[in-house]
Structure formats: C-alpha cells, structure tokens
Amino acid sequence: MTTTATYHTATPLFSTDYHIYINHTDAGGIVYHANHLVFFENCRRDWFTKLNLNGYFMHSDEGQVQHFVVSQAQLQYKKAILLDEVINVRIDRVELKPASIVFYQSIHRRLPADADEKQRSSTNTLLSSSKIVIACVQNQIKPEPPQSTNASSTTTAVDNATPMRPIRVPEKLYNTIQQAIAHHADEQ
C-alpha cells in the first residue's frame, strides 16, 4: 500500500465519529473486515453532504444519471476495531483527476475525553488506512438493443444491465472539492 504515516499525522481534510454496533462485528465482537469499506464510504458521503453536494447521484443537463463507482480499493489493517468503541474516520488527503477522485482515508480509535497528552500524541490510534479511487460514470438511458435474437443464445443480468461509460468529474463537483482542498491547505 502506498499510503504513509504522513497522511495520518496531519490535520485531516474531514473527520467524523461512528459508534461500533453489534451489526458491524463478527461473533467475536471484532468489526468485520469489509465494514472498514462501509465506514470509509460513509465518511466520503458525509463529507459530500457537508460540502452541500448531492452525494453520488447527479443528473446531466440532458437528464442522464451520473454517479461514482469504486474502481480501486487498497486497505491496510493495523488493529482490530471492537464492539462498543467509537472510531474516528478521516479523509486525510484527496487527489482530483479528470474522471476520478482518489481518497486517502484512515480509521482511528477515538480516545476518551480524559486521555492524557501522551496518549493523544501517540500514533497508536491508527486502526486501518486506505487508498480508494472512485470513478465518475454516466448511465446510458437508452441501452443498445441486443445483438442477437437467436432463441438459443443465453443472456445474463450483465447483458441486461444499464450500460455505463466513464465521464469527467462534473465541473461543479470538481470545483467544490478543489475549493475545500485549497481551504484546508490554507489552514495548515
């Protein structure tokens, strides 16, 4: 994984806390590994909401649906997340590309309010880190007709799925995120 500790020591671009409930864990009270992705996703969605962006589904001027799909996810698990903990999920850094957004994110153990300075300055709170790439795509409203009407041909759900094509990140979204990144850099 290419993320490094420098992404986790600087002030995050965005962070939010989540409580760990039984539905997040396995029978041993440890957060199921795939739920790390859920927390990262929720954090990205909460950040978009804070920026007054309509999450992942947008409409083009022509009425076509534009949204994001995860095209790459790299995770590194450091320590277990346990039932009844409070975690802090962060967006440490964002890279804007023409047709995608790269998120460097991390999950940290939330320390109790009465934690001493030594505990707070420790980098021991890191539970997992990730590099997640979301690509911007547009649904094609009018799917192309099937190529063959041969009764012996088999079709699958993939054959009948609404086709998508990659597109550039919509300008309003791109500009809003770029402004948030610049504002965060100015505060550093």
Protein backbone atom coordinates (compact mmCIF):
# COMPACT_ATOMS: atom_id res chain seq x y z
CA MET A 1 0.00 0.00 0.00
CA THR A 2 1.32 3.43 -0.91
CA THR A 3 -0.22 5.43 1.91
CA THR A 4 2.27 6.56 4.50
CA ALA A 5 2.19 7.86 8.04
CA THR A 6 2.33 11.47 6.82
CA TYR A 7 -1.30 11.18 5.74
CA HIS A 8 -2.29 10.22 9.27
CA THR A 9 -0.38 12.78 11.33
CA ALA A 10 -1.53 15.96 9.59
CA THR A 11 -4.90 17.51 10.28
CA PRO A 12 -7.42 15.58 8.18
CA LEU A 13 -9.42 17.23 5.44
CA PHE A 14 -12.56 15.83 7.09
CA SER A 15 -13.28 13.51 10.01
CA THR A 16 -16.33 12.13 11.75
CA ASP A 17 -17.03 9.70 14.56
CA TYR A 18 -19.01 6.46 14.36
CA HIS A 19 -20.15 4.11 17.11
CA ILE A 20 -19.49 0.40 16.65
CA TYR A 21 -22.66 -1.67 16.99
CA ILE A 22 -23.15 -5.43 17.03
CA ASN A 23 -24.20 -5.45 13.35
CA HIS A 24 -20.71 -4.19 12.41
CA THR A 25 -18.95 -7.11 14.10
CA ASP A 26 -18.44 -10.83 13.77
CA ALA A 27 -19.24 -13.34 16.52
CA GLY A 28 -16.07 -12.32 18.38
CA GLY A 29 -17.05 -8.66 18.67
CA ILE A 30 -14.46 -7.53 16.09
CA VAL A 31 -15.53 -5.34 13.17
CA TYR A 32 -15.84 -7.50 10.07
CA HIS A 33 -13.08 -6.57 7.60
CA ALA A 34 -15.45 -5.46 4.82
CA ASN A 35 -17.12 -2.98 7.17
CA HIS A 36 -13.97 -0.86 7.09
CA LEU A 37 -15.01 -0.09 3.50
CA VAL A 38 -18.50 0.81 4.73
CA PHE A 39 -17.08 3.30 7.23
CA PHE A 40 -14.82 4.82 4.56
CA GLU A 41 -17.83 5.13 2.22
CA ASN A 42 -19.99 6.71 4.92
CA CYS A 43 -17.25 9.22 5.68
CA ARG A 44 -16.95 10.23 2.00
CA ARG A 45 -20.74 10.60 1.79
CA ASP A 46 -20.82 12.70 4.99
CA TRP A 47 -18.07 14.95 3.59
CA PHE A 48 -20.00 15.44 0.34
CA THR A 49 -23.08 16.34 2.42
CA LYS A 50 -21.03 18.87 4.42
CA LEU A 51 -19.92 20.42 1.10
CA ASN A 52 -23.61 20.66 0.06
CA LEU A 53 -23.06 18.14 -2.72
CA ASN A 54 -25.77 15.65 -3.57
CA GLY A 55 -23.83 12.56 -2.66
CA TYR A 56 -23.11 10.32 -5.56
CA PHE A 57 -26.08 10.69 -7.90
CA MET A 58 -26.24 13.70 -10.17
CA HIS A 59 -28.11 14.46 -13.37
CA SER A 60 -26.62 15.92 -16.52
CA ASP A 61 -28.36 18.76 -18.36
CA GLU A 62 -29.74 16.06 -20.67
CA GLY A 63 -31.22 14.14 -17.71
CA GLN A 64 -28.71 11.29 -17.71
CA VAL A 65 -27.69 9.83 -14.36
CA GLN A 66 -24.08 10.45 -13.34
CA HIS A 67 -22.53 8.80 -10.29
CA PHE A 68 -19.39 7.28 -8.83
CA VAL A 69 -18.23 3.69 -8.65
CA VAL A 70 -15.28 2.39 -6.69
CA SER A 71 -12.68 1.37 -9.25
CA GLN A 72 -9.85 0.57 -6.83
CA ALA A 73 -9.54 -0.05 -3.10
CA GLN A 74 -6.33 -0.72 -1.19
CA LEU A 75 -6.68 -1.33 2.53
CA GLN A 76 -4.19 -1.96 5.25
CA TYR A 77 -5.49 -3.32 8.54
CA LYS A 78 -3.42 -2.37 11.59
CA LYS A 79 -5.51 -3.20 14.67
CA ALA A 80 -8.91 -4.67 15.42
CA ILE A 81 -11.93 -2.40 15.87
CA LEU A 82 -14.06 -3.66 18.74
CA LEU A 83 -17.74 -3.66 19.67
CA ASP A 84 -18.90 -0.51 21.53
CA GLU A 85 -15.85 1.54 20.54
CA VAL A 86 -16.08 4.96 18.99
CA ILE A 87 -13.93 5.38 15.91
CA ASN A 88 -12.86 8.48 14.04
CA VAL A 89 -12.93 8.03 10.26
CA ARG A 90 -10.91 10.55 8.27
CA ILE A 91 -10.31 11.81 4.80
CA ASP A 92 -6.61 12.55 5.07
CA ARG A 93 -5.97 13.65 1.51
CA VAL A 94 -7.79 13.87 -1.83
CA GLU A 95 -6.40 13.90 -5.37
CA LEU A 96 -8.67 15.14 -8.15
CA LYS A 97 -8.22 13.52 -11.54
CA PRO A 98 -10.20 14.39 -14.68
CA ALA A 99 -12.56 11.39 -14.39
CA SER A 100 -11.93 10.15 -10.85
CA ILE A 101 -11.21 11.13 -7.27
CA VAL A 102 -8.55 9.44 -5.15
CA PHE A 103 -9.22 9.34 -1.39
CA TYR A 104 -6.58 8.56 1.21
CA GLN A 105 -8.51 7.67 4.34
CA SER A 106 -7.87 6.27 7.79
CA ILE A 107 -9.74 4.95 10.79
CA HIS A 108 -8.51 5.85 14.28
CA ARG A 109 -9.53 4.77 17.74
CA ARG A 110 -11.32 7.67 19.45
CA LEU A 111 -9.60 8.35 22.72
CA PRO A 112 -11.62 9.10 25.85
CA ALA A 113 -12.03 12.77 26.76
CA ASP A 114 -9.86 12.28 29.83
CA ALA A 115 -6.91 10.81 27.87
CA ASP A 116 -3.60 12.39 28.77
CA GLU A 117 -1.36 14.28 26.34
CA LYS A 118 0.95 11.28 25.89
CA GLN A 119 -1.97 9.14 24.72
CA ARG A 120 -3.24 11.90 22.42
CA SER A 121 0.13 12.48 20.75
CA SER A 122 0.62 8.77 20.14
CA THR A 123 0.19 7.50 16.59
CA ASN A 124 -1.03 4.27 18.17
CA THR A 125 -4.65 5.10 17.36
CA LEU A 126 -4.41 4.05 13.68
CA LEU A 127 -6.68 1.05 13.02
CA SER A 128 -6.70 0.93 9.21
CA SER A 129 -5.80 3.05 6.21
CA SER A 130 -6.88 3.06 2.60
CA LYS A 131 -6.44 4.45 -0.87
CA ILE A 132 -9.80 4.39 -2.63
CA VAL A 133 -10.37 5.55 -6.20
CA ILE A 134 -13.89 6.45 -7.25
CA ALA A 135 -14.53 6.87 -10.96
CA CYS A 136 -17.22 9.08 -12.41
CA VAL A 137 -19.58 7.29 -14.81
CA GLN A 138 -22.77 8.10 -16.64
CA ASN A 139 -25.62 5.68 -17.15
CA GLN A 140 -26.79 5.38 -20.71
CA ILE A 141 -30.55 5.88 -20.58
CA LYS A 142 -31.26 4.06 -23.83
CA PRO A 143 -29.43 0.73 -23.78
CA GLU A 144 -28.39 -0.62 -27.12
CA PRO A 145 -30.66 -3.36 -28.48
CA PRO A 146 -29.44 -6.94 -28.11
CA GLN A 147 -27.09 -8.09 -30.89
CA SER A 148 -28.75 -11.43 -31.41
CA THR A 149 -32.37 -12.55 -31.33
CA ASN A 150 -31.35 -16.19 -31.58
CA ALA A 151 -33.53 -18.16 -29.16
CA SER A 152 -30.61 -20.40 -28.24
CA SER A 153 -28.47 -17.51 -27.01
CA THR A 154 -28.29 -17.02 -23.27
CA THR A 155 -28.48 -13.63 -21.61
CA THR A 156 -27.28 -12.73 -18.19
CA ALA A 157 -28.01 -9.93 -15.77
CA VAL A 158 -24.80 -8.27 -17.01
CA ASP A 159 -26.16 -8.33 -20.57
CA ASN A 160 -29.34 -6.59 -19.41
CA ALA A 161 -27.65 -4.07 -17.09
CA THR A 162 -27.80 -0.39 -17.88
CA PRO A 163 -24.57 0.39 -19.69
CA MET A 164 -22.26 2.99 -18.15
CA ARG A 165 -19.44 4.99 -19.62
CA PRO A 166 -16.66 6.91 -17.88
CA ILE A 167 -17.03 10.69 -17.89
CA ARG A 168 -15.20 13.70 -16.50
CA VAL A 169 -15.98 14.70 -12.93
CA PRO A 170 -18.80 17.29 -13.24
CA GLU A 171 -17.43 20.83 -13.09
CA LYS A 172 -19.47 21.97 -10.06
CA LEU A 173 -18.39 18.94 -8.04
CA TYR A 174 -14.77 19.27 -9.16
CA ASN A 175 -14.65 22.98 -8.27
CA THR A 176 -16.31 22.47 -4.87
CA ILE A 177 -13.83 19.75 -3.90
CA GLN A 178 -10.89 21.79 -5.23
CA GLN A 179 -12.02 24.75 -3.08
CA ALA A 180 -12.30 22.52 0.00
CA ILE A 181 -8.78 21.18 -0.59
CA ALA A 182 -7.39 24.71 -1.07
CA HIS A 183 -9.19 25.99 2.04
CA HIS A 184 -7.78 23.11 4.09
CA ALA A 185 -4.25 23.80 2.77
CA ASP A 186 -4.58 27.48 3.73
CA GLU A 187 -5.48 26.47 7.29
CA GLN A 188 -2.36 24.30 7.66
